[in-house]
Amino acid sequence: MSIVNYFNKDNLIPSKYLKVINEPPQKIFLSVKNVPLFQVYLPIDTSEIFEIIFNDKKLWLKSSFYVTDKKISKLRAPIFGVPFNKDLNLVIKEGLIKSRFYLSNSDELKNNAVIADLLVHSAFNKKEIKYELQFWQMLDKDNQVFYVHSILNFYTKTVEHLDGAIILFTDEQRNLLFEKGKKIKGYYYQKYFRLDANIAIDLAIEIIRKFFPIEELANEYFEINTIG
C-alpha cells in the first residue's frame, strides 16, 4: 500500500484519512474505507503541532499533514534565534514590508550552536482587510529553510490560513532571498501541515513557534534590516 495515493495537491494527508489511537504511546493510522488500517508516522518537526490541532476538533477537521510510512528520528544541534513575538509585533506595528531579523552577537554562539535568521514579508489587502505574512527561517549551518505562510483576518481577529514547509536552497538562492529579499522557490519544497480555519492569533503564534526549531534568546540584543 502506498500512502502517496492519498496525498492531496500539497502532498499532505487530510485529517479525515487519519485515525489516532491516543493511548500511550500515541499511534496514527491511515484510515480509508475498505482498506486495512496502515500505520503512518509524523516527522519529528511536527509532532507537537499535530498534538495541538488534534485536541481542537474544529481545527482538526480543517487540517492536513505530511506523514510517512517509516519512523523518522532526528537529532539536531541547539538552534538559537530572535524572539518570534517581538518580530511579529514590530512588523505589524511599523508596517514593514520586507524585514530581516538577526542576532547581533551571534559569534560567541556559532562554535557550539546553529544560528537562525528570520526574514518576513508582509502585504496588506485593504479591500479584504487581511494581512498576508510569510516567514523564512534560515539556519547558518544547514541548507534547510523553515517557511510559514499565514493570512490574518482583521475583521475576525483570527488567522484564517496557516501552513508550514521546509525548503532547500542553493547558496546562491539563499543569498537572493535573505540579502535581496527576492522570493525564490528553491530546489526542494515540502509542506508539513496546513490549516484552513479560524485560528485564534495566540494559538497560531504558538503553532508557528513550535514549527520553527529554535530556542529564542529573549534577553539578547537583536537587529533588524529593512530590505527593498
C-alpha atoms as a PDB file:
ATOM      1  CA  MET A   1       0.000   0.000   0.000  1.00  0.00           C
ATOM      2  CA  SER A   2       1.329   3.438  -0.912  1.00  0.00           C
ATOM      3  CA  ILE A   3       0.285   6.434   1.163  1.00  0.00           C
ATOM      4  CA  VAL A   4       1.171   8.644  -1.817  1.00  0.00           C
ATOM      5  CA  ASN A   5      -2.148   7.604  -3.356  1.00  0.00           C
ATOM      6  CA  TYR A   6      -3.947   9.570  -0.645  1.00  0.00           C
ATOM      7  CA  PHE A   7      -1.865  12.746  -0.786  1.00  0.00           C
ATOM      8  CA  ASN A   8      -3.701  15.930  -1.760  1.00  0.00           C
ATOM      9  CA  LYS A   9      -2.229  18.611  -4.047  1.00  0.00           C
ATOM     10  CA  ASP A  10       0.099  19.733  -1.239  1.00  0.00           C
ATOM     11  CA  ASN A  11       1.471  16.196  -0.715  1.00  0.00           C
ATOM     12  CA  LEU A  12      -0.377  16.102   2.607  1.00  0.00           C
ATOM     13  CA  ILE A  13      -2.901  13.676   4.071  1.00  0.00           C
ATOM     14  CA  PRO A  14      -6.239  15.293   5.069  1.00  0.00           C
ATOM     15  CA  SER A  15      -7.198  14.630   8.683  1.00  0.00           C
ATOM     16  CA  LYS A  16     -10.315  12.729   7.562  1.00  0.00           C
ATOM     17  CA  TYR A  17      -7.995   9.921   6.436  1.00  0.00           C
ATOM     18  CA  LEU A  18      -6.138   9.756   9.759  1.00  0.00           C
ATOM     19  CA  LYS A  19      -7.185   7.689  12.755  1.00  0.00           C
ATOM     20  CA  VAL A  20      -5.462   8.403  16.061  1.00  0.00           C
ATOM     21  CA  ILE A  21      -5.227   5.963  18.928  1.00  0.00           C
ATOM     22  CA  ASN A  22      -4.276   8.179  21.817  1.00  0.00           C
ATOM     23  CA  GLU A  23      -3.457   5.519  24.364  1.00  0.00           C
ATOM     24  CA  PRO A  24       0.264   5.821  25.158  1.00  0.00           C
ATOM     25  CA  PRO A  25       2.209   5.574  23.031  1.00  0.00           C
ATOM     26  CA  GLN A  26       0.128   7.524  20.521  1.00  0.00           C
ATOM     27  CA  LYS A  27      -0.285   5.806  17.154  1.00  0.00           C
ATOM     28  CA  ILE A  28      -1.534   7.245  13.872  1.00  0.00           C
ATOM     29  CA  PHE A  29      -3.082   5.203  11.082  1.00  0.00           C
ATOM     30  CA  LEU A  30      -4.148   5.871   7.539  1.00  0.00           C
ATOM     31  CA  SER A  31      -7.842   5.069   7.650  1.00  0.00           C
ATOM     32  CA  VAL A  32      -9.577   4.679   4.297  1.00  0.00           C
ATOM     33  CA  LYS A  33     -12.844   2.865   3.610  1.00  0.00           C
ATOM     34  CA  ASN A  34     -12.398  -0.773   2.580  1.00  0.00           C
ATOM     35  CA  VAL A  35      -8.630  -0.581   3.182  1.00  0.00           C
ATOM     36  CA  PRO A  36      -6.913  -2.140   6.236  1.00  0.00           C
ATOM     37  CA  LEU A  37      -5.523   0.330   8.772  1.00  0.00           C
ATOM     38  CA  PHE A  38      -1.947   1.267   7.911  1.00  0.00           C
ATOM     39  CA  GLN A  39       0.349   2.853  10.491  1.00  0.00           C
ATOM     40  CA  VAL A  40       1.974   6.125   9.496  1.00  0.00           C
ATOM     41  CA  TYR A  41       4.437   8.433  11.227  1.00  0.00           C
ATOM     42  CA  LEU A  42       4.924  12.157  11.672  1.00  0.00           C
ATOM     43  CA  PRO A  43       8.263  13.801  11.079  1.00  0.00           C
ATOM     44  CA  ILE A  44       9.630  14.926  14.419  1.00  0.00           C
ATOM     45  CA  ASP A  45       9.315  18.558  13.301  1.00  0.00           C
ATOM     46  CA  THR A  46       5.504  18.468  13.532  1.00  0.00           C
ATOM     47  CA  SER A  47       4.634  16.113  16.392  1.00  0.00           C
ATOM     48  CA  GLU A  48       3.818  18.921  18.836  1.00  0.00           C
ATOM     49  CA  ILE A  49       1.795  20.791  16.215  1.00  0.00           C
ATOM     50  CA  PHE A  50      -0.164  17.635  15.464  1.00  0.00           C
ATOM     51  CA  GLU A  51      -0.994  17.268  19.160  1.00  0.00           C
ATOM     52  CA  ILE A  52      -2.311  20.839  19.420  1.00  0.00           C
ATOM     53  CA  ILE A  53      -4.502  20.526  16.342  1.00  0.00           C
ATOM     54  CA  PHE A  54      -5.762  17.031  17.152  1.00  0.00           C
ATOM     55  CA  ASN A  55      -7.026  18.260  20.528  1.00  0.00           C
ATOM     56  CA  ASP A  56      -9.113  21.008  18.886  1.00  0.00           C
ATOM     57  CA  LYS A  57     -11.994  19.421  16.955  1.00  0.00           C
ATOM     58  CA  LYS A  58     -12.699  22.479  14.781  1.00  0.00           C
ATOM     59  CA  LEU A  59      -9.076  22.793  13.701  1.00  0.00           C
ATOM     60  CA  TRP A  60      -8.692  19.041  13.227  1.00  0.00           C
ATOM     61  CA  LEU A  61     -11.493  18.939  10.640  1.00  0.00           C
ATOM     62  CA  LYS A  62      -9.753  21.648   8.582  1.00  0.00           C
ATOM     63  CA  SER A  63      -6.226  20.273   8.732  1.00  0.00           C
ATOM     64  CA  SER A  64      -3.837  18.120   6.723  1.00  0.00           C
ATOM     65  CA  PHE A  65      -0.378  16.735   7.491  1.00  0.00           C
ATOM     66  CA  TYR A  66       2.713  15.265   5.933  1.00  0.00           C
ATOM     67  CA  VAL A  67       3.162  11.675   7.086  1.00  0.00           C
ATOM     68  CA  THR A  68       5.500   8.872   6.068  1.00  0.00           C
ATOM     69  CA  ASP A  69       5.391   5.086   6.150  1.00  0.00           C
ATOM     70  CA  LYS A  70       8.665   4.967   8.099  1.00  0.00           C
ATOM     71  CA  LYS A  71       9.501   6.224  11.562  1.00  0.00           C
ATOM     72  CA  ILE A  72      11.822   9.218  11.411  1.00  0.00           C
ATOM     73  CA  SER A  73      14.195  10.200  14.177  1.00  0.00           C
ATOM     74  CA  LYS A  74      16.373  13.298  14.032  1.00  0.00           C
ATOM     75  CA  LEU A  75      18.935  14.768  16.360  1.00  0.00           C
ATOM     76  CA  ARG A  76      19.838  18.411  15.898  1.00  0.00           C
ATOM     77  CA  ALA A  77      22.311  20.797  17.480  1.00  0.00           C
ATOM     78  CA  PRO A  78      20.804  23.655  19.528  1.00  0.00           C
ATOM     79  CA  ILE A  79      19.401  26.412  17.303  1.00  0.00           C
ATOM     80  CA  PHE A  80      19.251  29.988  18.578  1.00  0.00           C
ATOM     81  CA  GLY A  81      17.269  32.845  17.094  1.00  0.00           C
ATOM     82  CA  VAL A  82      15.415  36.070  17.795  1.00  0.00           C
ATOM     83  CA  PRO A  83      12.080  36.082  19.684  1.00  0.00           C
ATOM     84  CA  PHE A  84       9.276  35.462  17.191  1.00  0.00           C
ATOM     85  CA  ASN A  85       6.714  37.519  19.133  1.00  0.00           C
ATOM     86  CA  LYS A  86       8.913  40.611  19.010  1.00  0.00           C
ATOM     87  CA  ASP A  87       9.485  40.159  15.284  1.00  0.00           C
ATOM     88  CA  LEU A  88       5.800  39.830  14.502  1.00  0.00           C
ATOM     89  CA  ASN A  89       4.756  42.776  16.664  1.00  0.00           C
ATOM     90  CA  LEU A  90       7.355  45.017  15.021  1.00  0.00           C
ATOM     91  CA  VAL A  91       6.309  44.015  11.505  1.00  0.00           C
ATOM     92  CA  ILE A  92       2.636  44.800  12.135  1.00  0.00           C
ATOM     93  CA  LYS A  93       3.204  47.905  14.282  1.00  0.00           C
ATOM     94  CA  GLU A  94       5.718  49.509  11.917  1.00  0.00           C
ATOM     95  CA  GLY A  95       4.053  48.290   8.707  1.00  0.00           C
ATOM     96  CA  LEU A  96       7.289  46.686   7.492  1.00  0.00           C
ATOM     97  CA  ILE A  97       7.045  45.128   4.018  1.00  0.00           C
ATOM     98  CA  LYS A  98      10.335  43.223   3.955  1.00  0.00           C
ATOM     99  CA  SER A  99      12.486  42.807   7.030  1.00  0.00           C
ATOM    100  CA  ARG A 100      15.253  40.562   8.301  1.00  0.00           C
ATOM    101  CA  PHE A 101      15.828  39.863  11.996  1.00  0.00           C
ATOM    102  CA  TYR A 102      19.127  38.504  13.257  1.00  0.00           C
ATOM    103  CA  LEU A 103      21.220  38.145  16.391  1.00  0.00           C
ATOM    104  CA  SER A 104      23.855  40.863  16.566  1.00  0.00           C
ATOM    105  CA  ASN A 105      26.134  38.992  18.975  1.00  0.00           C
ATOM    106  CA  SER A 106      25.980  35.537  17.460  1.00  0.00           C
ATOM    107  CA  ASP A 107      29.760  34.988  17.100  1.00  0.00           C
ATOM    108  CA  GLU A 108      30.105  33.649  20.635  1.00  0.00           C
ATOM    109  CA  LEU A 109      27.408  31.037  19.939  1.00  0.00           C
ATOM    110  CA  LYS A 110      28.462  29.849  16.489  1.00  0.00           C
ATOM    111  CA  ASN A 111      31.000  27.257  17.626  1.00  0.00           C
ATOM    112  CA  ASN A 112      28.505  25.353  19.755  1.00  0.00           C
ATOM    113  CA  ALA A 113      25.150  26.004  18.128  1.00  0.00           C
ATOM    114  CA  VAL A 114      23.250  26.785  14.938  1.00  0.00           C
ATOM    115  CA  ILE A 115      22.143  30.396  14.410  1.00  0.00           C
ATOM    116  CA  ALA A 116      18.831  31.245  12.741  1.00  0.00           C
ATOM    117  CA  ASP A 117      17.907  34.460  10.912  1.00  0.00           C
ATOM    118  CA  LEU A 118      14.283  35.346  10.215  1.00  0.00           C
ATOM    119  CA  LEU A 119      13.040  37.009   7.023  1.00  0.00           C
ATOM    120  CA  VAL A 120       9.488  38.422   6.988  1.00  0.00           C
ATOM    121  CA  HIS A 121       7.417  39.602   4.028  1.00  0.00           C
ATOM    122  CA  SER A 122       4.072  41.259   4.703  1.00  0.00           C
ATOM    123  CA  ALA A 123       1.314  42.527   2.433  1.00  0.00           C
ATOM    124  CA  PHE A 124      -1.899  44.296   3.478  1.00  0.00           C
ATOM    125  CA  ASN A 125      -5.046  43.827   1.382  1.00  0.00           C
ATOM    126  CA  LYS A 126      -7.099  46.997   2.007  1.00  0.00           C
ATOM    127  CA  LYS A 127     -10.181  45.666   0.209  1.00  0.00           C
ATOM    128  CA  GLU A 128     -10.446  42.458   2.233  1.00  0.00           C
ATOM    129  CA  ILE A 129      -8.774  43.911   5.368  1.00  0.00           C
ATOM    130  CA  LYS A 130      -6.359  40.988   5.513  1.00  0.00           C
ATOM    131  CA  TYR A 131      -2.659  40.704   6.231  1.00  0.00           C
ATOM    132  CA  GLU A 132      -0.589  38.121   4.355  1.00  0.00           C
ATOM    133  CA  LEU A 133       2.546  37.212   6.270  1.00  0.00           C
ATOM    134  CA  GLN A 134       5.376  34.980   5.058  1.00  0.00           C
ATOM    135  CA  PHE A 135       8.258  33.879   7.279  1.00  0.00           C
ATOM    136  CA  TRP A 136      11.526  32.205   6.279  1.00  0.00           C
ATOM    137  CA  GLN A 137      13.897  30.979   8.985  1.00  0.00           C
ATOM    138  CA  MET A 138      17.392  30.258   7.689  1.00  0.00           C
ATOM    139  CA  LEU A 139      19.965  28.153   9.542  1.00  0.00           C
ATOM    140  CA  ASP A 140      23.618  29.148   9.209  1.00  0.00           C
ATOM    141  CA  LYS A 141      24.944  25.560   9.068  1.00  0.00           C
ATOM    142  CA  ASP A 142      22.189  23.909   7.040  1.00  0.00           C
ATOM    143  CA  ASN A 143      20.634  24.317   3.606  1.00  0.00           C
ATOM    144  CA  GLN A 144      17.144  23.891   5.078  1.00  0.00           C
ATOM    145  CA  VAL A 145      14.880  26.917   5.412  1.00  0.00           C
ATOM    146  CA  PHE A 146      11.723  26.705   7.510  1.00  0.00           C
ATOM    147  CA  TYR A 147       8.836  28.560   5.856  1.00  0.00           C
ATOM    148  CA  VAL A 148       5.435  29.622   7.202  1.00  0.00           C
ATOM    149  CA  HIS A 149       2.629  31.283   5.252  1.00  0.00           C
ATOM    150  CA  SER A 150      -0.315  32.858   7.064  1.00  0.00           C
ATOM    151  CA  ILE A 151      -3.319  35.099   6.400  1.00  0.00           C
ATOM    152  CA  LEU A 152      -4.571  37.290   9.232  1.00  0.00           C
ATOM    153  CA  ASN A 153      -8.191  38.499   9.029  1.00  0.00           C
ATOM    154  CA  PHE A 154      -8.633  41.874  10.728  1.00  0.00           C
ATOM    155  CA  TYR A 155     -12.448  41.534  10.791  1.00  0.00           C
ATOM    156  CA  THR A 156     -12.481  38.292  12.772  1.00  0.00           C
ATOM    157  CA  LYS A 157      -9.148  38.917  14.560  1.00  0.00           C
ATOM    158  CA  THR A 158      -8.125  35.389  13.610  1.00  0.00           C
ATOM    159  CA  VAL A 159      -5.646  33.659  11.327  1.00  0.00           C
ATOM    160  CA  GLU A 160      -7.732  32.027   8.599  1.00  0.00           C
ATOM    161  CA  HIS A 161      -4.922  30.158   6.856  1.00  0.00           C
ATOM    162  CA  LEU A 162      -1.639  28.721   8.115  1.00  0.00           C
ATOM    163  CA  ASP A 163       0.852  26.304   6.591  1.00  0.00           C
ATOM    164  CA  GLY A 164       4.437  25.320   7.254  1.00  0.00           C
ATOM    165  CA  ALA A 165       7.043  23.890   4.890  1.00  0.00           C
ATOM    166  CA  ILE A 166      10.721  23.076   4.622  1.00  0.00           C
ATOM    167  CA  ILE A 167      12.540  24.395   1.555  1.00  0.00           C
ATOM    168  CA  LEU A 168      16.041  23.540   0.349  1.00  0.00           C
ATOM    169  CA  PHE A 169      18.036  26.290  -1.332  1.00  0.00           C
ATOM    170  CA  THR A 170      21.391  26.523  -3.030  1.00  0.00           C
ATOM    171  CA  ASP A 171      23.828  29.073  -1.564  1.00  0.00           C
ATOM    172  CA  GLU A 172      23.030  31.464  -4.391  1.00  0.00           C
ATOM    173  CA  GLN A 173      19.282  31.110  -3.867  1.00  0.00           C
ATOM    174  CA  ARG A 174      19.611  31.715  -0.131  1.00  0.00           C
ATOM    175  CA  ASN A 175      21.609  34.858  -0.792  1.00  0.00           C
ATOM    176  CA  LEU A 176      18.965  36.211  -3.165  1.00  0.00           C
ATOM    177  CA  LEU A 177      16.259  35.510  -0.604  1.00  0.00           C
ATOM    178  CA  PHE A 178      17.923  36.725   2.589  1.00  0.00           C
ATOM    179  CA  GLU A 179      20.147  39.508   1.250  1.00  0.00           C
ATOM    180  CA  LYS A 180      17.949  40.858  -1.543  1.00  0.00           C
ATOM    181  CA  GLY A 181      14.517  39.837  -0.251  1.00  0.00           C
ATOM    182  CA  LYS A 182      13.618  38.112  -3.541  1.00  0.00           C
ATOM    183  CA  LYS A 183      11.172  35.229  -3.175  1.00  0.00           C
ATOM    184  CA  ILE A 184      12.831  32.066  -4.512  1.00  0.00           C
ATOM    185  CA  LYS A 185      11.230  28.632  -4.899  1.00  0.00           C
ATOM    186  CA  GLY A 186      14.289  26.553  -4.020  1.00  0.00           C
ATOM    187  CA  TYR A 187      15.100  23.127  -5.445  1.00  0.00           C
ATOM    188  CA  TYR A 188      13.006  21.164  -2.923  1.00  0.00           C
ATOM    189  CA  TYR A 189       9.760  22.098  -1.181  1.00  0.00           C
ATOM    190  CA  GLN A 190       7.588  20.050   1.169  1.00  0.00           C
ATOM    191  CA  LYS A 191       4.692  21.267   3.257  1.00  0.00           C
ATOM    192  CA  TYR A 192       4.391  19.658   6.682  1.00  0.00           C
ATOM    193  CA  PHE A 193       0.986  20.907   7.763  1.00  0.00           C
ATOM    194  CA  ARG A 194      -1.871  23.093   6.553  1.00  0.00           C
ATOM    195  CA  LEU A 195      -4.795  24.677   8.399  1.00  0.00           C
ATOM    196  CA  ASP A 196      -7.733  26.448   6.753  1.00  0.00           C
ATOM    197  CA  ALA A 197      -9.798  27.524   9.737  1.00  0.00           C
ATOM    198  CA  ASN A 198     -10.314  30.495  12.025  1.00  0.00           C
ATOM    199  CA  ILE A 199      -7.385  30.167  14.420  1.00  0.00           C
ATOM    200  CA  ALA A 200      -7.001  32.403  17.456  1.00  0.00           C
ATOM    201  CA  ILE A 201      -3.948  34.609  16.932  1.00  0.00           C
ATOM    202  CA  ASP A 202      -2.241  33.421  20.123  1.00  0.00           C
ATOM    203  CA  LEU A 203      -2.724  29.790  19.091  1.00  0.00           C
ATOM    204  CA  ALA A 204      -1.427  30.470  15.574  1.00  0.00           C
ATOM    205  CA  ILE A 205       1.688  32.056  17.075  1.00  0.00           C
ATOM    206  CA  GLU A 206       2.165  29.019  19.310  1.00  0.00           C
ATOM    207  CA  ILE A 207       1.930  26.690  16.292  1.00  0.00           C
ATOM    208  CA  ILE A 208       4.456  28.763  14.333  1.00  0.00           C
ATOM    209  CA  ARG A 209       6.857  28.786  17.252  1.00  0.00           C
ATOM    210  CA  LYS A 210       6.545  25.005  17.553  1.00  0.00           C
ATOM    211  CA  PHE A 211       7.375  24.646  13.859  1.00  0.00           C
ATOM    212  CA  PHE A 212      10.397  26.934  13.937  1.00  0.00           C
ATOM    213  CA  PRO A 213      13.026  24.756  15.667  1.00  0.00           C
ATOM    214  CA  ILE A 214      14.759  27.477  17.657  1.00  0.00           C
ATOM    215  CA  GLU A 215      15.487  28.435  21.207  1.00  0.00           C
ATOM    216  CA  GLU A 216      14.533  32.090  21.480  1.00  0.00           C
ATOM    217  CA  LEU A 217      17.086  34.353  23.104  1.00  0.00           C
ATOM    218  CA  ALA A 218      14.545  36.699  24.648  1.00  0.00           C
ATOM    219  CA  ASN A 219      17.117  38.739  26.539  1.00  0.00           C
ATOM    220  CA  GLU A 220      19.645  39.010  23.725  1.00  0.00           C
ATOM    221  CA  TYR A 221      20.023  42.127  21.644  1.00  0.00           C
ATOM    222  CA  PHE A 222      18.900  41.619  18.058  1.00  0.00           C
ATOM    223  CA  GLU A 223      18.900  43.776  14.977  1.00  0.00           C
ATOM    224  CA  ILE A 224      16.598  44.328  12.020  1.00  0.00           C
ATOM    225  CA  ASN A 225      17.252  45.317   8.431  1.00  0.00           C
ATOM    226  CA  THR A 226      14.584  46.535   6.047  1.00  0.00           C
ATOM    227  CA  ILE A 227      15.053  45.089   2.565  1.00  0.00           C
ATOM    228  CA  GLY A 228      13.971  46.517  -0.740  1.00  0.00           C
END
